[in-house]
């Protein structure tokens, strides 16, 4: 069974990996563009969305066959892998169905709603011998990769204080109703807290063993959160702090800062001021890096791991740990106590 599956994917790697996109939300166009950017490795063969106008728009622009029901698309034999961008509380059903159909899976973060759901996904993918690649996009930004390389080089010494601060407009006018309700996986913590936790684990190279947090909605009064402050204790003894807010109006800034024993590193991933800086003496100075399309790079990494039958560049176990920390932070906020992770 394994040999036949492996040979099938090996053979298709010399042709193209057929991709089906599940979900027509805001990120769907980015998904489709990333497939197109990897022509020769990936080929868009289907798009599924329950919104007819949106489906017509996406198919008209990017091609492929349109489906009102993603379940029909998943059964197509010439679709080798699916990209899942559904509502967060719909991830589990789609992953299990895709794995059962033998499709490789690129799943938008956050991975799931609960840890048992994460476990079911991992078990299903492993049993079906398909790849399960959760889209922790922070690993694929050029500026983040440059920051990671600098931190890992030892040139700046050992990190002592680590902070990640992200303030942005919530964007109420462009959010679907589900995003305003935590019961469906909505809110800033599930959307962006996931990125921030992922960055801290990846940048520090150390899992989290303890969490203290406060997560609430004091700015907009929604059923989902708009503000979060969290302190993470890492296995290596380092403490990192996360501060996030989504407000009604205002500018956006996202700065990660590392105070190390031999200097300081600052990284900003998104506009209006992306960049990487290092302070080796008294002042920050820019660190040059070559930029590239992060989502195209992520999809290329996914396609290559399918083609080569290699391990996922970001393991599902890593994505599960990110979820574990996210949920522990919510528990800490509810109880007012620190939560220790196993």
Foldseek 3Di string as FASTA:
>chain_A
DVVVLLVVLQVCQQAEAEEEEEELAPCVLVLLVLQVVPPRHYDYAEYEDLDVVSQCVSCVVRNHYYHNDVLVVLLDPRHQAYEYDDQQQCQLVVLLSNLVSNHAYEYEDPNHLDLVSLVVSVVSNVVSLHHYHYCLLLCQWQLLVVLLVVLVVCPQAAFAEKEKEKEEAPCVVRDDPLQLACVRPHADCRVPVLNVQLSVCSSNVFFFFKKAKAWADPAPPTNYTFWMWMWTQTPVRHIYIYTYGHHHDDHIWIWMKTNHPQWIKIATRDPPDGFIWIGRDDDTDGDDTDGDDSSSRQVVQVSVCSNNVHHRPQHSVSSSSSVVRSVQNVVNNVVVDMDGDD
